[in-house]
Amino acid sequence: MNRREPYPSHRFRVEVEGIESSGALSVVLPEARIVTGAGSLPEVECGLLVLTRGQSSSSDWYEWWNQSRRPTSSTGRSVSVVLLDAEGRDVLRWNYGGARPIAYRVSPLHALESGVLAESLEIAVTTFDAAFGPGNASAGAPSAGSR
């Protein structure tokens, strides 16, 4: 049966290939746009995926960004953003392939505020796929060449 009520946006999980835990405070999903050039077939261009999480002693996001700026860097990784229902089950999955960080940022430090220090990655992606529904949303991220 299809759910007709919208899902809340606060229950989600982020999975990054090669990174054990990628909990996030916020995710900005990229726009996926169909573009055509003169005499060419339609292609999909994706905007930037932006992940933000609380800064901790873990350096895995920084290390991923640092590796990406080296000329000998490997190909991009797979990233999935998974929406969860109230019981914690996967209900929607956005899969991105060829993901490579292009910007790393740490939030400002404020001596008069008690907020959480956050780090963010802006990630360029080359492929996009989505899976809808509890059965389909449990599937893994696509390989870098799929669309």
C-alpha atoms as a PDB file:
ATOM      1  CA  MET A   1       0.000   0.000   0.000  1.00  0.00           C
ATOM      2  CA  ASN A   2       1.310   3.463  -0.908  1.00  0.00           C
ATOM      3  CA  ARG A   3       1.648   6.011   1.853  1.00  0.00           C
ATOM      4  CA  ARG A   4      -0.050   9.291   0.997  1.00  0.00           C
ATOM      5  CA  GLU A   5       1.048  11.378   3.996  1.00  0.00           C
ATOM      6  CA  PRO A   6       4.404  13.135   3.671  1.00  0.00           C
ATOM      7  CA  TYR A   7       7.314  11.801   5.690  1.00  0.00           C
ATOM      8  CA  PRO A   8       9.007  14.088   8.225  1.00  0.00           C
ATOM      9  CA  SER A   9      12.505  15.208   7.241  1.00  0.00           C
ATOM     10  CA  HIS A  10      14.262  14.624  10.580  1.00  0.00           C
ATOM     11  CA  ARG A  11      14.688  10.808  10.480  1.00  0.00           C
ATOM     12  CA  PHE A  12      17.476   9.838   8.102  1.00  0.00           C
ATOM     13  CA  ARG A  13      20.792   8.061   7.782  1.00  0.00           C
ATOM     14  CA  VAL A  14      23.822   8.806   5.595  1.00  0.00           C
ATOM     15  CA  GLU A  15      25.983   5.994   4.224  1.00  0.00           C
ATOM     16  CA  VAL A  16      29.367   6.774   2.661  1.00  0.00           C
ATOM     17  CA  GLU A  17      31.370   3.992   1.052  1.00  0.00           C
ATOM     18  CA  GLY A  18      34.559   3.421   3.049  1.00  0.00           C
ATOM     19  CA  ILE A  19      33.465   5.435   6.093  1.00  0.00           C
ATOM     20  CA  GLU A  20      32.162   3.413   9.024  1.00  0.00           C
ATOM     21  CA  SER A  21      29.855   6.014  10.576  1.00  0.00           C
ATOM     22  CA  SER A  22      28.565   9.035   8.699  1.00  0.00           C
ATOM     23  CA  GLY A  23      25.897  10.442  10.988  1.00  0.00           C
ATOM     24  CA  ALA A  24      24.715  13.849   9.849  1.00  0.00           C
ATOM     25  CA  LEU A  25      22.923  16.850  11.346  1.00  0.00           C
ATOM     26  CA  SER A  26      21.680  17.983   7.957  1.00  0.00           C
ATOM     27  CA  VAL A  27      21.710  16.989   4.306  1.00  0.00           C
ATOM     28  CA  VAL A  28      21.067  19.200   1.300  1.00  0.00           C
ATOM     29  CA  LEU A  29      20.158  16.897  -1.561  1.00  0.00           C
ATOM     30  CA  PRO A  30      21.372  17.999  -4.996  1.00  0.00           C
ATOM     31  CA  GLU A  31      19.104  19.077  -7.776  1.00  0.00           C
ATOM     32  CA  ALA A  32      19.054  16.600 -10.665  1.00  0.00           C
ATOM     33  CA  ARG A  33      18.399  18.313 -13.976  1.00  0.00           C
ATOM     34  CA  ILE A  34      17.888  16.792 -17.442  1.00  0.00           C
ATOM     35  CA  VAL A  35      19.931  18.703 -20.011  1.00  0.00           C
ATOM     36  CA  THR A  36      20.296  18.293 -23.743  1.00  0.00           C
ATOM     37  CA  GLY A  37      22.820  19.810 -26.085  1.00  0.00           C
ATOM     38  CA  ALA A  38      22.450  20.390 -29.796  1.00  0.00           C
ATOM     39  CA  GLY A  39      22.058  16.955 -31.381  1.00  0.00           C
ATOM     40  CA  SER A  40      22.859  15.027 -28.205  1.00  0.00           C
ATOM     41  CA  LEU A  41      20.888  12.670 -26.016  1.00  0.00           C
ATOM     42  CA  PRO A  42      19.458  13.909 -22.712  1.00  0.00           C
ATOM     43  CA  GLU A  43      21.840  13.653 -19.763  1.00  0.00           C
ATOM     44  CA  VAL A  44      21.413  14.217 -16.041  1.00  0.00           C
ATOM     45  CA  GLU A  45      23.478  16.900 -14.321  1.00  0.00           C
ATOM     46  CA  CYS A  46      23.503  16.912 -10.549  1.00  0.00           C
ATOM     47  CA  GLY A  47      24.171  19.814  -8.216  1.00  0.00           C
ATOM     48  CA  LEU A  48      26.186  19.487  -5.027  1.00  0.00           C
ATOM     49  CA  LEU A  49      25.329  17.163  -2.144  1.00  0.00           C
ATOM     50  CA  VAL A  50      26.020  18.938   1.161  1.00  0.00           C
ATOM     51  CA  LEU A  51      26.505  16.932   4.360  1.00  0.00           C
ATOM     52  CA  THR A  52      26.882  18.523   7.807  1.00  0.00           C
ATOM     53  CA  ARG A  53      27.629  16.754  11.070  1.00  0.00           C
ATOM     54  CA  GLY A  54      28.798  17.617  14.564  1.00  0.00           C
ATOM     55  CA  GLN A  55      32.572  17.980  14.753  1.00  0.00           C
ATOM     56  CA  SER A  56      34.229  15.211  16.757  1.00  0.00           C
ATOM     57  CA  SER A  57      37.704  13.711  17.022  1.00  0.00           C
ATOM     58  CA  SER A  58      36.995  11.615  13.903  1.00  0.00           C
ATOM     59  CA  SER A  59      38.976  12.809  10.891  1.00  0.00           C
ATOM     60  CA  ASP A  60      37.323  10.594   8.257  1.00  0.00           C
ATOM     61  CA  TRP A  61      35.497  13.422   6.431  1.00  0.00           C
ATOM     62  CA  TYR A  62      38.612  15.601   6.405  1.00  0.00           C
ATOM     63  CA  GLU A  63      40.740  12.667   5.212  1.00  0.00           C
ATOM     64  CA  TRP A  64      38.287  11.952   2.374  1.00  0.00           C
ATOM     65  CA  TRP A  65      38.438  15.604   1.292  1.00  0.00           C
ATOM     66  CA  ASN A  66      42.232  15.642   1.665  1.00  0.00           C
ATOM     67  CA  GLN A  67      42.557  12.525  -0.526  1.00  0.00           C
ATOM     68  CA  SER A  68      40.295  14.070  -3.167  1.00  0.00           C
ATOM     69  CA  ARG A  69      42.606  17.033  -3.708  1.00  0.00           C
ATOM     70  CA  ARG A  70      45.557  14.803  -4.615  1.00  0.00           C
ATOM     71  CA  PRO A  71      46.135  14.002  -8.307  1.00  0.00           C
ATOM     72  CA  THR A  72      46.549  10.283  -7.519  1.00  0.00           C
ATOM     73  CA  SER A  73      43.144  10.146  -5.838  1.00  0.00           C
ATOM     74  CA  SER A  74      40.960   7.127  -6.589  1.00  0.00           C
ATOM     75  CA  THR A  75      37.586   7.340  -8.252  1.00  0.00           C
ATOM     76  CA  GLY A  76      34.607   8.687  -6.373  1.00  0.00           C
ATOM     77  CA  ARG A  77      32.654   6.837  -3.720  1.00  0.00           C
ATOM     78  CA  SER A  78      29.024   5.857  -3.386  1.00  0.00           C
ATOM     79  CA  VAL A  79      26.867   7.872  -0.996  1.00  0.00           C
ATOM     80  CA  SER A  80      23.309   7.054   0.048  1.00  0.00           C
ATOM     81  CA  VAL A  81      20.880   9.180   2.012  1.00  0.00           C
ATOM     82  CA  VAL A  82      18.139   7.035   3.529  1.00  0.00           C
ATOM     83  CA  LEU A  83      14.856   8.393   4.891  1.00  0.00           C
ATOM     84  CA  LEU A  84      13.427   6.415   7.828  1.00  0.00           C
ATOM     85  CA  ASP A  85       9.860   5.999   9.022  1.00  0.00           C
ATOM     86  CA  ALA A  86       8.749   6.362  12.656  1.00  0.00           C
ATOM     87  CA  GLU A  87       9.787   2.754  13.375  1.00  0.00           C
ATOM     88  CA  GLY A  88      13.277   3.300  11.913  1.00  0.00           C
ATOM     89  CA  ARG A  89      12.655   1.348   8.687  1.00  0.00           C
ATOM     90  CA  ASP A  90      14.138   2.496   5.369  1.00  0.00           C
ATOM     91  CA  VAL A  91      11.415   4.072   3.218  1.00  0.00           C
ATOM     92  CA  LEU A  92      13.276   6.212   0.662  1.00  0.00           C
ATOM     93  CA  ARG A  93      16.848   6.036  -0.589  1.00  0.00           C
ATOM     94  CA  TRP A  94      18.747   8.549  -2.702  1.00  0.00           C
ATOM     95  CA  ASN A  95      21.894   6.972  -4.160  1.00  0.00           C
ATOM     96  CA  TYR A  96      24.768   9.005  -5.576  1.00  0.00           C
ATOM     97  CA  GLY A  97      27.773   7.583  -7.402  1.00  0.00           C
ATOM     98  CA  GLY A  98      31.143   9.060  -8.239  1.00  0.00           C
ATOM     99  CA  ALA A  99      30.947  11.244  -5.116  1.00  0.00           C
ATOM    100  CA  ARG A 100      34.034  13.411  -4.483  1.00  0.00           C
ATOM    101  CA  PRO A 101      34.335  16.176  -1.883  1.00  0.00           C
ATOM    102  CA  ILE A 102      35.129  19.551  -3.401  1.00  0.00           C
ATOM    103  CA  ALA A 103      34.847  21.681  -0.246  1.00  0.00           C
ATOM    104  CA  TYR A 104      35.410  21.117   3.469  1.00  0.00           C
ATOM    105  CA  ARG A 105      34.186  23.643   6.022  1.00  0.00           C
ATOM    106  CA  VAL A 106      34.040  23.986   9.808  1.00  0.00           C
ATOM    107  CA  SER A 107      31.429  26.272  11.370  1.00  0.00           C
ATOM    108  CA  PRO A 108      32.527  29.484  13.110  1.00  0.00           C
ATOM    109  CA  LEU A 109      33.706  29.429  16.710  1.00  0.00           C
ATOM    110  CA  HIS A 110      31.714  31.711  19.087  1.00  0.00           C
ATOM    111  CA  ALA A 111      32.841  32.299  22.665  1.00  0.00           C
ATOM    112  CA  LEU A 112      29.398  33.626  23.653  1.00  0.00           C
ATOM    113  CA  GLU A 113      27.335  30.770  22.193  1.00  0.00           C
ATOM    114  CA  SER A 114      26.921  27.160  23.263  1.00  0.00           C
ATOM    115  CA  GLY A 115      26.012  25.620  19.902  1.00  0.00           C
ATOM    116  CA  VAL A 116      27.539  22.517  18.348  1.00  0.00           C
ATOM    117  CA  LEU A 117      30.670  22.900  16.241  1.00  0.00           C
ATOM    118  CA  ALA A 118      29.872  21.428  12.825  1.00  0.00           C
ATOM    119  CA  GLU A 119      31.847  20.276   9.816  1.00  0.00           C
ATOM    120  CA  SER A 120      30.462  20.182   6.290  1.00  0.00           C
ATOM    121  CA  LEU A 121      31.387  18.558   3.010  1.00  0.00           C
ATOM    122  CA  GLU A 122      30.245  19.800  -0.380  1.00  0.00           C
ATOM    123  CA  ILE A 123      30.274  16.781  -2.656  1.00  0.00           C
ATOM    124  CA  ALA A 124      30.154  16.625  -6.451  1.00  0.00           C
ATOM    125  CA  VAL A 125      28.309  13.548  -7.737  1.00  0.00           C
ATOM    126  CA  THR A 126      28.198  11.980 -11.186  1.00  0.00           C
ATOM    127  CA  THR A 127      25.219   9.632 -10.928  1.00  0.00           C
ATOM    128  CA  PHE A 128      21.854   9.647  -9.180  1.00  0.00           C
ATOM    129  CA  ASP A 129      19.188   7.031  -8.529  1.00  0.00           C
ATOM    130  CA  ALA A 130      16.284   6.804  -6.095  1.00  0.00           C
ATOM    131  CA  ALA A 131      14.422   3.885  -4.546  1.00  0.00           C
ATOM    132  CA  PHE A 132      10.946   4.336  -3.088  1.00  0.00           C
ATOM    133  CA  GLY A 133       9.087   2.136  -0.647  1.00  0.00           C
ATOM    134  CA  PRO A 134      10.126  -0.069   2.268  1.00  0.00           C
ATOM    135  CA  GLY A 135      11.215  -3.020   0.104  1.00  0.00           C
ATOM    136  CA  ASN A 136      13.185  -0.987  -2.432  1.00  0.00           C
ATOM    137  CA  ALA A 137      14.773   1.513  -0.047  1.00  0.00           C
ATOM    138  CA  SER A 138      16.988  -1.138   1.558  1.00  0.00           C
ATOM    139  CA  ALA A 139      19.046  -1.650  -1.599  1.00  0.00           C
ATOM    140  CA  GLY A 140      22.627  -0.384  -1.695  1.00  0.00           C
ATOM    141  CA  ALA A 141      24.069   2.573  -3.564  1.00  0.00           C
ATOM    142  CA  PRO A 142      24.732   2.302  -7.311  1.00  0.00           C
ATOM    143  CA  SER A 143      28.114   1.761  -8.843  1.00  0.00           C
ATOM    144  CA  ALA A 144      29.784   4.902 -10.176  1.00  0.00           C
ATOM    145  CA  GLY A 145      28.711   4.122 -13.762  1.00  0.00           C
ATOM    146  CA  SER A 146      24.975   3.562 -13.259  1.00  0.00           C
ATOM    147  CA  ARG A 147      22.214   6.108 -13.736  1.00  0.00           C
END
